[in-house]
PDB file of N, CA and C in Angstrom:
ATOM      1  N   UNK A   1      92.270  87.156 108.670  1.00  0.00           N
ATOM      2  CA  UNK A   1      90.628  87.798 109.220  1.00  0.00           C
ATOM      3  C   UNK A   1      90.260  87.585 110.528  1.00  0.00           C
ATOM      4  N   UNK A   2      90.276  88.752 110.896  1.00  0.00           N
ATOM      5  CA  UNK A   2      89.839  88.175 112.621  1.00  0.00           C
ATOM      6  C   UNK A   2      88.291  88.290 112.900  1.00  0.00           C
ATOM      7  N   UNK A   3      87.721  87.460 113.628  1.00  0.00           N
ATOM      8  CA  UNK A   3      86.387  87.341 113.701  1.00  0.00           C
ATOM      9  C   UNK A   3      86.252  87.691 115.225  1.00  0.00           C
ATOM     10  N   UNK A   4      85.073  88.494 115.464  1.00  0.00           N
ATOM     11  CA  UNK A   4      84.135  89.104 116.484  1.00  0.00           C
ATOM     12  C   UNK A   4      83.555  87.890 117.161  1.00  0.00           C
ATOM     13  N   UNK A   5      83.008  88.106 118.116  1.00  0.00           N
ATOM     14  CA  UNK A   5      82.263  87.141 119.242  1.00  0.00           C
ATOM     15  C   UNK A   5      80.988  86.601 118.150  1.00  0.00           C
ATOM     16  N   UNK A   6      80.190  87.445 117.183  1.00  0.00           N
ATOM     17  CA  UNK A   6      79.394  87.808 116.230  1.00  0.00           C
ATOM     18  C   UNK A   6      80.104  86.717 115.099  1.00  0.00           C
ATOM     19  N   UNK A   7      80.171  85.706 114.907  1.00  0.00           N
ATOM     20  CA  UNK A   7      80.835  85.066 113.619  1.00  0.00           C
ATOM     21  C   UNK A   7      80.224  85.842 112.373  1.00  0.00           C
ATOM     22  N   UNK A   8      79.495  86.734 112.163  1.00  0.00           N
ATOM     23  CA  UNK A   8      79.347  87.354 111.000  1.00  0.00           C
ATOM     24  C   UNK A   8      79.830  88.798 110.756  1.00  0.00           C
ATOM     25  N   UNK A   9      80.605  89.054 111.626  1.00  0.00           N
ATOM     26  CA  UNK A   9      81.731  90.220 111.425  1.00  0.00           C
ATOM     27  C   UNK A   9      83.252  90.158 111.038  1.00  0.00           C
ATOM     28  N   UNK A  10      83.447  90.551 110.053  1.00  0.00           N
ATOM     29  CA  UNK A  10      85.120  90.385 109.678  1.00  0.00           C
ATOM     30  C   UNK A  10      85.242  91.610 109.978  1.00  0.00           C
ATOM     31  N   UNK A  11      86.950  91.418 109.853  1.00  0.00           N
ATOM     32  CA  UNK A  11      87.943  92.795 110.066  1.00  0.00           C
ATOM     33  C   UNK A  11      89.421  91.978 109.548  1.00  0.00           C
ATOM     34  N   UNK A  12      89.477  92.943 108.472  1.00  0.00           N
ATOM     35  CA  UNK A  12      90.893  92.389 107.728  1.00  0.00           C
ATOM     36  C   UNK A  12      91.838  93.288 107.921  1.00  0.00           C
ATOM     37  N   UNK A  13      92.948  93.694 107.658  1.00  0.00           N
ATOM     38  CA  UNK A  13      93.788  94.730 107.373  1.00  0.00           C
ATOM     39  C   UNK A  13      95.148  94.581 107.002  1.00  0.00           C
ATOM     40  N   UNK A  14      95.835  95.468 106.844  1.00  0.00           N
ATOM     41  CA  UNK A  14      96.955  95.473 105.884  1.00  0.00           C
ATOM     42  C   UNK A  14      97.736  96.602 106.420  1.00  0.00           C
ATOM     43  N   UNK A  15      99.099  96.394 105.324  1.00  0.00           N
ATOM     44  CA  UNK A  15     100.243  97.471 105.319  1.00  0.00           C
ATOM     45  C   UNK A  15     100.881  97.147 104.129  1.00  0.00           C
ATOM     46  N   UNK A  16     100.547  98.480 102.738  1.00  0.00           N
ATOM     47  CA  UNK A  16     101.137  97.706 101.681  1.00  0.00           C
ATOM     48  C   UNK A  16     102.303  98.918 101.415  1.00  0.00           C
ATOM     49  N   UNK A  17     103.243  98.823 100.775  1.00  0.00           N
ATOM     50  CA  UNK A  17     104.009  99.957 100.359  1.00  0.00           C
ATOM     51  C   UNK A  17     103.514 100.121  98.855  1.00  0.00           C
ATOM     52  N   UNK A  18     102.836 101.459  98.679  1.00  0.00           N
ATOM     53  CA  UNK A  18     102.541 101.767  97.292  1.00  0.00           C
ATOM     54  C   UNK A  18     103.612 101.963  96.151  1.00  0.00           C
ATOM     55  N   UNK A  19     104.601 102.508  96.711  1.00  0.00           N
ATOM     56  CA  UNK A  19     105.681 102.878  95.200  1.00  0.00           C
ATOM     57  C   UNK A  19     106.879 103.501  95.740  1.00  0.00           C
ATOM     58  N   UNK A  20     107.801 103.470  95.646  1.00  0.00           N
ATOM     59  CA  UNK A  20     108.916 103.722  95.990  1.00  0.00           C
ATOM     60  C   UNK A  20     109.888 104.623  95.075  1.00  0.00           C
ATOM     61  N   UNK A  21     109.756 105.748  94.360  1.00  0.00           N
ATOM     62  CA  UNK A  21     110.297 105.996  93.468  1.00  0.00           C
ATOM     63  C   UNK A  21     111.633 106.877  93.907  1.00  0.00           C
ATOM     64  N   UNK A  22     112.187 107.235  95.038  1.00  0.00           N
ATOM     65  CA  UNK A  22     113.746 107.604  94.710  1.00  0.00           C
ATOM     66  C   UNK A  22     114.698 107.027  93.939  1.00  0.00           C
ATOM     67  N   UNK A  23     114.711 105.408  93.954  1.00  0.00           N
ATOM     68  CA  UNK A  23     115.613 105.086  93.510  1.00  0.00           C
ATOM     69  C   UNK A  23     115.648 105.393  92.373  1.00  0.00           C
ATOM     70  N   UNK A  24     115.003 105.019  91.146  1.00  0.00           N
ATOM     71  CA  UNK A  24     114.875 105.219  89.835  1.00  0.00           C
ATOM     72  C   UNK A  24     114.248 106.393  89.301  1.00  0.00           C
ATOM     73  N   UNK A  25     114.481 107.516  90.469  1.00  0.00           N
ATOM     74  CA  UNK A  25     113.768 108.719  89.569  1.00  0.00           C
ATOM     75  C   UNK A  25     112.376 108.577  89.361  1.00  0.00           C
ATOM     76  N   UNK A  26     111.735 108.151  89.887  1.00  0.00           N
ATOM     77  CA  UNK A  26     109.961 108.102  89.013  1.00  0.00           C
ATOM     78  C   UNK A  26     109.556 109.665  89.617  1.00  0.00           C
ATOM     79  N   UNK A  27     107.931 109.487  88.798  1.00  0.00           N
ATOM     80  CA  UNK A  27     107.429 110.616  88.500  1.00  0.00           C
ATOM     81  C   UNK A  27     107.146 111.424  89.972  1.00  0.00           C
ATOM     82  N   UNK A  28     107.020 110.642  91.053  1.00  0.00           N
ATOM     83  CA  UNK A  28     106.346 111.268  92.639  1.00  0.00           C
ATOM     84  C   UNK A  28     107.667 111.695  92.816  1.00  0.00           C
ATOM     85  N   UNK A  29     109.342 111.069  92.507  1.00  0.00           N
ATOM     86  CA  UNK A  29     110.089 112.012  93.474  1.00  0.00           C
ATOM     87  C   UNK A  29     110.661 113.207  92.153  1.00  0.00           C
ATOM     88  N   UNK A  30     110.673 113.038  91.317  1.00  0.00           N
ATOM     89  CA  UNK A  30     110.757 114.126  90.738  1.00  0.00           C
ATOM     90  C   UNK A  30     109.886 115.552  90.569  1.00  0.00           C
ATOM     91  N   UNK A  31     108.323 115.181  90.759  1.00  0.00           N
ATOM     92  CA  UNK A  31     107.187 115.916  90.530  1.00  0.00           C
ATOM     93  C   UNK A  31     106.771 116.287  89.347  1.00  0.00           C
ATOM     94  N   UNK A  32     106.937 114.965  88.286  1.00  0.00           N
ATOM     95  CA  UNK A  32     106.751 115.724  87.015  1.00  0.00           C
ATOM     96  C   UNK A  32     105.993 114.564  86.578  1.00  0.00           C
ATOM     97  N   UNK A  33     105.134 114.446  85.587  1.00  0.00           N
ATOM     98  CA  UNK A  33     104.163 113.264  85.401  1.00  0.00           C
ATOM     99  C   UNK A  33     102.970 113.449  85.736  1.00  0.00           C
ATOM    100  N   UNK A  34     102.767 111.511  86.409  1.00  0.00           N
ATOM    101  CA  UNK A  34     101.839 110.533  86.868  1.00  0.00           C
ATOM    102  C   UNK A  34     101.611 111.378  88.663  1.00  0.00           C
ATOM    103  N   UNK A  35     100.639 111.691  88.881  1.00  0.00           N
ATOM    104  CA  UNK A  35     100.767 112.365  90.523  1.00  0.00           C
ATOM    105  C   UNK A  35      99.817 111.690  90.927  1.00  0.00           C
ATOM    106  N   UNK A  36      99.670 110.276  90.858  1.00  0.00           N
ATOM    107  CA  UNK A  36      98.711 109.360  91.254  1.00  0.00           C
ATOM    108  C   UNK A  36      98.941 108.395  91.350  1.00  0.00           C
ATOM    109  N   UNK A  37      99.047 107.270  92.484  1.00  0.00           N
ATOM    110  CA  UNK A  37      99.585 106.178  92.444  1.00  0.00           C
ATOM    111  C   UNK A  37      97.816 105.265  92.781  1.00  0.00           C
ATOM    112  N   UNK A  38      97.942 103.926  92.578  1.00  0.00           N
ATOM    113  CA  UNK A  38      96.774 102.799  93.332  1.00  0.00           C
ATOM    114  C   UNK A  38      97.035 101.491  92.677  1.00  0.00           C
ATOM    115  N   UNK A  39      96.811 100.785  94.128  1.00  0.00           N
ATOM    116  CA  UNK A  39      96.746  99.388  94.100  1.00  0.00           C
ATOM    117  C   UNK A  39      95.489  98.809  94.139  1.00  0.00           C
ATOM    118  N   UNK A  40      95.606  97.768  93.770  1.00  0.00           N
ATOM    119  CA  UNK A  40      94.689  96.654  94.096  1.00  0.00           C
ATOM    120  C   UNK A  40      94.701  96.012  95.388  1.00  0.00           C
ATOM    121  N   UNK A  41      93.626  95.737  96.287  1.00  0.00           N
ATOM    122  CA  UNK A  41      94.198  94.965  97.361  1.00  0.00           C
ATOM    123  C   UNK A  41      93.144  94.346  97.548  1.00  0.00           C
ATOM    124  N   UNK A  42      93.392  92.771  97.825  1.00  0.00           N
ATOM    125  CA  UNK A  42      92.370  91.388  97.943  1.00  0.00           C
ATOM    126  C   UNK A  42      92.133  90.859  99.268  1.00  0.00           C
ATOM    127  N   UNK A  43      91.061  91.069  99.522  1.00  0.00           N
ATOM    128  CA  UNK A  43      90.599  90.904 101.144  1.00  0.00           C
ATOM    129  C   UNK A  43      90.918  89.785 101.283  1.00  0.00           C
ATOM    130  N   UNK A  44      91.343  88.806 102.489  1.00  0.00           N
ATOM    131  CA  UNK A  44      91.702  87.741 102.638  1.00  0.00           C
ATOM    132  C   UNK A  44      90.404  86.752 102.405  1.00  0.00           C
ATOM    133  N   UNK A  45      89.292  87.428 102.462  1.00  0.00           N
ATOM    134  CA  UNK A  45      88.108  86.347 102.143  1.00  0.00           C
ATOM    135  C   UNK A  45      87.002  87.300 101.595  1.00  0.00           C
ATOM    136  N   UNK A  46      86.256  87.082 100.681  1.00  0.00           N
ATOM    137  CA  UNK A  46      85.533  87.571 100.400  1.00  0.00           C
ATOM    138  C   UNK A  46      84.237  88.631 101.590  1.00  0.00           C
ATOM    139  N   UNK A  47      83.690  89.716 101.681  1.00  0.00           N
ATOM    140  CA  UNK A  47      82.908  90.023 103.007  1.00  0.00           C
ATOM    141  C   UNK A  47      81.217  89.344 101.854  1.00  0.00           C
ATOM    142  N   UNK A  48      80.281  89.742 102.660  1.00  0.00           N
ATOM    143  CA  UNK A  48      78.891  89.142 102.691  1.00  0.00           C
ATOM    144  C   UNK A  48      78.488  90.337 101.386  1.00  0.00           C
ATOM    145  N   UNK A  49      78.728  91.327 102.402  1.00  0.00           N
ATOM    146  CA  UNK A  49      78.188  92.787 101.429  1.00  0.00           C
ATOM    147  C   UNK A  49      80.061  93.691 101.479  1.00  0.00           C
ATOM    148  N   UNK A  50      79.378  94.930 100.694  1.00  0.00           N
ATOM    149  CA  UNK A  50      80.568  95.810 100.523  1.00  0.00           C
ATOM    150  C   UNK A  50      80.997  96.354 101.616  1.00  0.00           C
ATOM    151  N   UNK A  51      82.441  96.340 102.732  1.00  0.00           N
ATOM    152  CA  UNK A  51      82.649  96.635 104.083  1.00  0.00           C
ATOM    153  C   UNK A  51      83.019  97.852 104.090  1.00  0.00           C
ATOM    154  N   UNK A  52      83.210  98.820 105.061  1.00  0.00           N
ATOM    155  CA  UNK A  52      83.511  99.836 105.626  1.00  0.00           C
ATOM    156  C   UNK A  52      85.475  99.314 105.091  1.00  0.00           C
ATOM    157  N   UNK A  53      85.927 100.706 104.260  1.00  0.00           N
ATOM    158  CA  UNK A  53      87.406 100.837 104.714  1.00  0.00           C
ATOM    159  C   UNK A  53      88.018 102.043 104.819  1.00  0.00           C
ATOM    160  N   UNK A  54      88.796 101.744 105.611  1.00  0.00           N
ATOM    161  CA  UNK A  54      89.452 103.065 106.483  1.00  0.00           C
ATOM    162  C   UNK A  54      90.864 102.530 105.902  1.00  0.00           C
ATOM    163  N   UNK A  55      91.685 103.969 105.173  1.00  0.00           N
ATOM    164  CA  UNK A  55      93.153 103.830 104.883  1.00  0.00           C
ATOM    165  C   UNK A  55      93.823 105.291 105.525  1.00  0.00           C
ATOM    166  N   UNK A  56      94.944 105.002 105.955  1.00  0.00           N
ATOM    167  CA  UNK A  56      96.013 105.819 106.677  1.00  0.00           C
ATOM    168  C   UNK A  56      97.277 105.839 105.890  1.00  0.00           C
ATOM    169  N   UNK A  57      97.964 106.930 105.817  1.00  0.00           N
ATOM    170  CA  UNK A  57      99.250 106.650 105.878  1.00  0.00           C
ATOM    171  C   UNK A  57     100.115 105.980 107.079  1.00  0.00           C
ATOM    172  N   UNK A  58     101.294 105.102 106.692  1.00  0.00           N
ATOM    173  CA  UNK A  58     101.652 104.768 107.889  1.00  0.00           C
ATOM    174  C   UNK A  58     102.986 104.676 107.670  1.00  0.00           C
ATOM    175  N   UNK A  59     103.313 105.077 106.630  1.00  0.00           N
ATOM    176  CA  UNK A  59     105.335 105.918 106.309  1.00  0.00           C
ATOM    177  C   UNK A  59     105.000 106.810 105.161  1.00  0.00           C
ATOM    178  N   UNK A  60     105.681 107.979 104.775  1.00  0.00           N
ATOM    179  CA  UNK A  60     105.929 108.570 104.039  1.00  0.00           C
ATOM    180  C   UNK A  60     107.140 109.144 103.714  1.00  0.00           C
ATOM    181  N   UNK A  61     108.285 109.013 102.970  1.00  0.00           N
ATOM    182  CA  UNK A  61     109.212 109.927 103.212  1.00  0.00           C
ATOM    183  C   UNK A  61     109.123 111.134 101.623  1.00  0.00           C
ATOM    184  N   UNK A  62     109.078 112.123 102.308  1.00  0.00           N
ATOM    185  CA  UNK A  62     109.179 113.306 101.230  1.00  0.00           C
ATOM    186  C   UNK A  62     110.172 114.170 101.275  1.00  0.00           C
ATOM    187  N   UNK A  63     110.000 115.238 100.417  1.00  0.00           N
ATOM    188  CA  UNK A  63     111.071 116.173 100.259  1.00  0.00           C
ATOM    189  C   UNK A  63     110.975 117.542 101.173  1.00  0.00           C
ATOM    190  N   UNK A  64     112.310 117.527 102.318  1.00  0.00           N
ATOM    191  CA  UNK A  64     111.829 118.794 103.039  1.00  0.00           C
ATOM    192  C   UNK A  64     111.859 120.206 102.551  1.00  0.00           C
ATOM    193  N   UNK A  65     111.703 120.625 101.373  1.00  0.00           N
ATOM    194  CA  UNK A  65     111.907 121.290 100.625  1.00  0.00           C
ATOM    195  C   UNK A  65     111.423 122.187 100.044  1.00  0.00           C
ATOM    196  N   UNK A  66     110.121 120.963  99.868  1.00  0.00           N
ATOM    197  CA  UNK A  66     108.607 121.549  99.200  1.00  0.00           C
ATOM    198  C   UNK A  66     107.947 121.189 100.027  1.00  0.00           C
ATOM    199  N   UNK A  67     106.499 122.169  99.558  1.00  0.00           N
ATOM    200  CA  UNK A  67     105.251 121.542 100.695  1.00  0.00           C
ATOM    201  C   UNK A  67     104.907 120.066 100.462  1.00  0.00           C
ATOM    202  N   UNK A  68     104.293 119.748 101.704  1.00  0.00           N
ATOM    203  CA  UNK A  68     103.873 118.188 101.727  1.00  0.00           C
ATOM    204  C   UNK A  68     102.492 118.038 101.624  1.00  0.00           C
ATOM    205  N   UNK A  69     101.887 117.494 100.363  1.00  0.00           N
ATOM    206  CA  UNK A  69     100.438 117.617 100.206  1.00  0.00           C
ATOM    207  C   UNK A  69     100.361 115.944 100.040  1.00  0.00           C
ATOM    208  N   UNK A  70      99.017 115.516 100.588  1.00  0.00           N
ATOM    209  CA  UNK A  70      98.575 113.992 100.311  1.00  0.00           C
ATOM    210  C   UNK A  70      97.237 113.822 100.004  1.00  0.00           C
ATOM    211  N   UNK A  71      96.712 113.192  99.525  1.00  0.00           N
ATOM    212  CA  UNK A  71      95.221 112.738  98.997  1.00  0.00           C
ATOM    213  C   UNK A  71      95.517 111.438  99.406  1.00  0.00           C
ATOM    214  N   UNK A  72      94.516 110.311 100.374  1.00  0.00           N
ATOM    215  CA  UNK A  72      94.435 109.151 100.683  1.00  0.00           C
ATOM    216  C   UNK A  72      93.134 108.811 100.515  1.00  0.00           C
ATOM    217  N   UNK A  73      92.910 107.928  99.964  1.00  0.00           N
ATOM    218  CA  UNK A  73      91.346 107.145  99.436  1.00  0.00           C
ATOM    219  C   UNK A  73      91.252 105.483  99.394  1.00  0.00           C
ATOM    220  N   UNK A  74      90.301 105.232  99.791  1.00  0.00           N
ATOM    221  CA  UNK A  74      89.673 103.410  99.249  1.00  0.00           C
ATOM    222  C   UNK A  74      88.764 103.703  98.553  1.00  0.00           C
ATOM    223  N   UNK A  75      89.087 103.288  96.908  1.00  0.00           N
ATOM    224  CA  UNK A  75      88.005 103.764  96.002  1.00  0.00           C
ATOM    225  C   UNK A  75      87.556 102.249  95.422  1.00  0.00           C
ATOM    226  N   UNK A  76      86.828 102.296  94.269  1.00  0.00           N
ATOM    227  CA  UNK A  76      86.248 101.270  94.034  1.00  0.00           C
ATOM    228  C   UNK A  76      86.484  99.990  94.964  1.00  0.00           C
ATOM    229  N   UNK A  77      85.583  99.824  96.032  1.00  0.00           N
ATOM    230  CA  UNK A  77      84.991  99.285  97.393  1.00  0.00           C
ATOM    231  C   UNK A  77      84.388  98.046  96.910  1.00  0.00           C
ATOM    232  N   UNK A  78      84.773  96.490  96.464  1.00  0.00           N
ATOM    233  CA  UNK A  78      83.835  95.780  96.311  1.00  0.00           C
ATOM    234  C   UNK A  78      83.944  94.693  97.717  1.00  0.00           C
ATOM    235  N   UNK A  79      82.843  93.812  97.293  1.00  0.00           N
ATOM    236  CA  UNK A  79      83.085  92.709  98.616  1.00  0.00           C
ATOM    237  C   UNK A  79      84.262  91.848  98.876  1.00  0.00           C
ATOM    238  N   UNK A  80      85.252  91.612  97.255  1.00  0.00           N
ATOM    239  CA  UNK A  80      86.647  91.284  97.264  1.00  0.00           C
ATOM    240  C   UNK A  80      87.772  92.124  97.484  1.00  0.00           C
ATOM    241  N   UNK A  81      87.326  93.633  97.484  1.00  0.00           N
ATOM    242  CA  UNK A  81      88.826  94.028  97.129  1.00  0.00           C
ATOM    243  C   UNK A  81      88.438  95.376  97.314  1.00  0.00           C
ATOM    244  N   UNK A  82      89.691  96.132  97.003  1.00  0.00           N
ATOM    245  CA  UNK A  82      89.322  97.825  96.721  1.00  0.00           C
ATOM    246  C   UNK A  82      90.589  98.399  96.307  1.00  0.00           C
ATOM    247  N   UNK A  83      90.346  99.780  95.984  1.00  0.00           N
ATOM    248  CA  UNK A  83      91.715  99.892  95.316  1.00  0.00           C
ATOM    249  C   UNK A  83      92.067 101.121  96.629  1.00  0.00           C
ATOM    250  N   UNK A  84      93.550 100.744  97.006  1.00  0.00           N
ATOM    251  CA  UNK A  84      94.508 102.372  97.168  1.00  0.00           C
ATOM    252  C   UNK A  84      94.997 103.357  96.644  1.00  0.00           C
ATOM    253  N   UNK A  85      94.727 104.120  97.002  1.00  0.00           N
ATOM    254  CA  UNK A  85      94.872 105.162  96.198  1.00  0.00           C
ATOM    255  C   UNK A  85      95.718 106.345  96.809  1.00  0.00           C
ATOM    256  N   UNK A  86      96.850 106.793  96.540  1.00  0.00           N
ATOM    257  CA  UNK A  86      97.778 108.378  96.995  1.00  0.00           C
ATOM    258  C   UNK A  86      97.881 109.150  95.947  1.00  0.00           C
ATOM    259  N   UNK A  87      97.353 110.370  95.952  1.00  0.00           N
ATOM    260  CA  UNK A  87      97.403 111.589  95.095  1.00  0.00           C
ATOM    261  C   UNK A  87      98.509 112.882  96.000  1.00  0.00           C
ATOM    262  N   UNK A  88      98.817 113.324  95.140  1.00  0.00           N
ATOM    263  CA  UNK A  88      99.996 114.751  95.164  1.00  0.00           C
ATOM    264  C   UNK A  88      99.939 115.449  94.341  1.00  0.00           C
ATOM    265  N   UNK A  89      99.993 116.719  94.697  1.00  0.00           N
ATOM    266  CA  UNK A  89     100.075 117.734  93.415  1.00  0.00           C
ATOM    267  C   UNK A  89     101.450 119.216  93.642  1.00  0.00           C
ATOM    268  N   UNK A  90     101.206 119.988  93.072  1.00  0.00           N
ATOM    269  CA  UNK A  90     101.880 121.021  92.818  1.00  0.00           C
ATOM    270  C   UNK A  90     103.364 120.276  92.716  1.00  0.00           C
ATOM    271  N   UNK A  91     104.463 121.074  93.715  1.00  0.00           N
ATOM    272  CA  UNK A  91     105.574 120.559  94.092  1.00  0.00           C
ATOM    273  C   UNK A  91     106.384 119.851  94.576  1.00  0.00           C
ATOM    274  N   UNK A  92     104.902 119.020  95.545  1.00  0.00           N
ATOM    275  CA  UNK A  92     105.709 118.182  96.441  1.00  0.00           C
ATOM    276  C   UNK A  92     105.826 116.745  95.311  1.00  0.00           C
ATOM    277  N   UNK A  93     107.258 116.575  96.088  1.00  0.00           N
ATOM    278  CA  UNK A  93     108.612 115.253  96.106  1.00  0.00           C
ATOM    279  C   UNK A  93     108.086 114.251  96.612  1.00  0.00           C
ATOM    280  N   UNK A  94     107.914 113.069  96.295  1.00  0.00           N
ATOM    281  CA  UNK A  94     107.563 111.955  97.427  1.00  0.00           C
ATOM    282  C   UNK A  94     108.238 111.386  96.917  1.00  0.00           C
ATOM    283  N   UNK A  95     109.253 110.285  97.628  1.00  0.00           N
ATOM    284  CA  UNK A  95     110.343 108.947  97.702  1.00  0.00           C
ATOM    285  C   UNK A  95     109.479 107.924  97.616  1.00  0.00           C
ATOM    286  N   UNK A  96     108.798 107.898  99.060  1.00  0.00           N
ATOM    287  CA  UNK A  96     107.860 105.986  98.924  1.00  0.00           C
ATOM    288  C   UNK A  96     106.566 106.773 100.084  1.00  0.00           C
ATOM    289  N   UNK A  97     105.825 105.791  99.954  1.00  0.00           N
ATOM    290  CA  UNK A  97     104.573 105.310 100.618  1.00  0.00           C
ATOM    291  C   UNK A  97     104.326 104.474 100.993  1.00  0.00           C
ATOM    292  N   UNK A  98     103.780 104.137 102.243  1.00  0.00           N
ATOM    293  CA  UNK A  98     103.320 102.855 102.390  1.00  0.00           C
ATOM    294  C   UNK A  98     101.682 103.563 103.111  1.00  0.00           C
ATOM    295  N   UNK A  99     100.971 102.604 102.692  1.00  0.00           N
ATOM    296  CA  UNK A  99      99.432 102.781 103.480  1.00  0.00           C
ATOM    297  C   UNK A  99      98.924 101.740 104.323  1.00  0.00           C
ATOM    298  N   UNK A 100      98.607 102.050 105.690  1.00  0.00           N
ATOM    299  CA  UNK A 100      97.598 101.349 106.457  1.00  0.00           C
ATOM    300  C   UNK A 100      96.238 100.785 105.898  1.00  0.00           C
ATOM    301  N   UNK A 101      95.271  99.904 105.812  1.00  0.00           N
ATOM    302  CA  UNK A 101      94.130  99.609 105.632  1.00  0.00           C
ATOM    303  C   UNK A 101      93.118  98.531 106.666  1.00  0.00           C
ATOM    304  N   UNK A 102      92.384  99.056 107.181  1.00  0.00           N
ATOM    305  CA  UNK A 102      91.292  98.278 107.507  1.00  0.00           C
ATOM    306  C   UNK A 102      89.942  97.972 107.040  1.00  0.00           C
ATOM    307  N   UNK A 103      89.515  96.857 107.185  1.00  0.00           N
ATOM    308  CA  UNK A 103      88.145  96.855 106.282  1.00  0.00           C
ATOM    309  C   UNK A 103      87.544  95.942 107.285  1.00  0.00           C
ATOM    310  N   UNK A 104      86.044  96.322 107.592  1.00  0.00           N
ATOM    311  CA  UNK A 104      85.304  95.613 108.353  1.00  0.00           C
ATOM    312  C   UNK A 104      84.045  95.685 107.947  1.00  0.00           C
ATOM    313  N   UNK A 105      83.373  94.463 108.032  1.00  0.00           N
ATOM    314  CA  UNK A 105      81.837  94.302 107.471  1.00  0.00           C
ATOM    315  C   UNK A 105      81.482  92.977 107.779  1.00  0.00           C
ATOM    316  N   UNK A 106      80.408  92.421 107.097  1.00  0.00           N
ATOM    317  CA  UNK A 106      79.463  91.294 107.807  1.00  0.00           C
ATOM    318  C   UNK A 106      80.033  90.139 106.547  1.00  0.00           C
ATOM    319  N   UNK A 107      80.373  89.182 107.289  1.00  0.00           N
ATOM    320  CA  UNK A 107      81.058  87.841 106.553  1.00  0.00           C
ATOM    321  C   UNK A 107      79.790  86.923 106.354  1.00  0.00           C
ATOM    322  N   UNK A 108      79.610  86.225 105.429  1.00  0.00           N
ATOM    323  CA  UNK A 108      78.898  84.832 105.002  1.00  0.00           C
ATOM    324  C   UNK A 108      78.753  83.668 105.907  1.00  0.00           C
ATOM    325  N   UNK A 109      78.043  83.593 106.312  1.00  0.00           N
ATOM    326  CA  UNK A 109      77.758  81.845 106.885  1.00  0.00           C
ATOM    327  C   UNK A 109      78.504  81.043 106.740  1.00  0.00           C
ATOM    328  N   UNK A 110      79.417  80.224 107.091  1.00  0.00           N
ATOM    329  CA  UNK A 110      79.759  78.863 106.448  1.00  0.00           C
ATOM    330  C   UNK A 110      79.179  78.102 105.738  1.00  0.00           C
ATOM    331  N   UNK A 111      77.672  78.112 105.879  1.00  0.00           N
ATOM    332  CA  UNK A 111      76.448  77.081 104.840  1.00  0.00           C
ATOM    333  C   UNK A 111      75.633  77.826 104.440  1.00  0.00           C
ATOM    334  N   UNK A 112      76.191  79.256 103.903  1.00  0.00           N
ATOM    335  CA  UNK A 112      74.998  79.953 103.796  1.00  0.00           C
ATOM    336  C   UNK A 112      75.562  79.802 101.775  1.00  0.00           C
ATOM    337  N   UNK A 113      74.606  79.668 100.810  1.00  0.00           N
ATOM    338  CA  UNK A 113      74.223  79.359  99.897  1.00  0.00           C
ATOM    339  C   UNK A 113      73.896  79.868  98.653  1.00  0.00           C
ATOM    340  N   UNK A 114      74.754  80.169  97.502  1.00  0.00           N
ATOM    341  CA  UNK A 114      73.868  81.314  96.844  1.00  0.00           C
ATOM    342  C   UNK A 114      73.044  79.956  95.402  1.00  0.00           C
ATOM    343  N   UNK A 115      71.406  80.120  95.653  1.00  0.00           N
ATOM    344  CA  UNK A 115      71.237  79.517  94.647  1.00  0.00           C
ATOM    345  C   UNK A 115      70.883  80.004  93.092  1.00  0.00           C
ATOM    346  N   UNK A 116      70.962  81.434  92.901  1.00  0.00           N
ATOM    347  CA  UNK A 116      70.285  82.007  91.765  1.00  0.00           C
ATOM    348  C   UNK A 116      71.794  82.617  91.708  1.00  0.00           C
TER     349      UNK A 116
END
């Protein structure tokens, strides 16, 4: 977790391999079956409120004989984490995907208490 000069703002980041279907003939590589992958990501510490989360593809390995289609998103965002989501459709064949993410939001003060 990186802290800015204002100690109430936190930035967390990561780079996550979402799947690798090439080696075992998985559904993303064969182009048949489930065309969505999601992985839950936990922040290194909880934010005070739901943070802003940005995601991007940092590596993808795709078949060069089919169209390259992708939809990436951060879903189910909470103070503690979120779901990294990759979707494709049609004849797109994807061997591997790694996604980068960045979360920024307000942190709790160290002496802040939950009374109720």
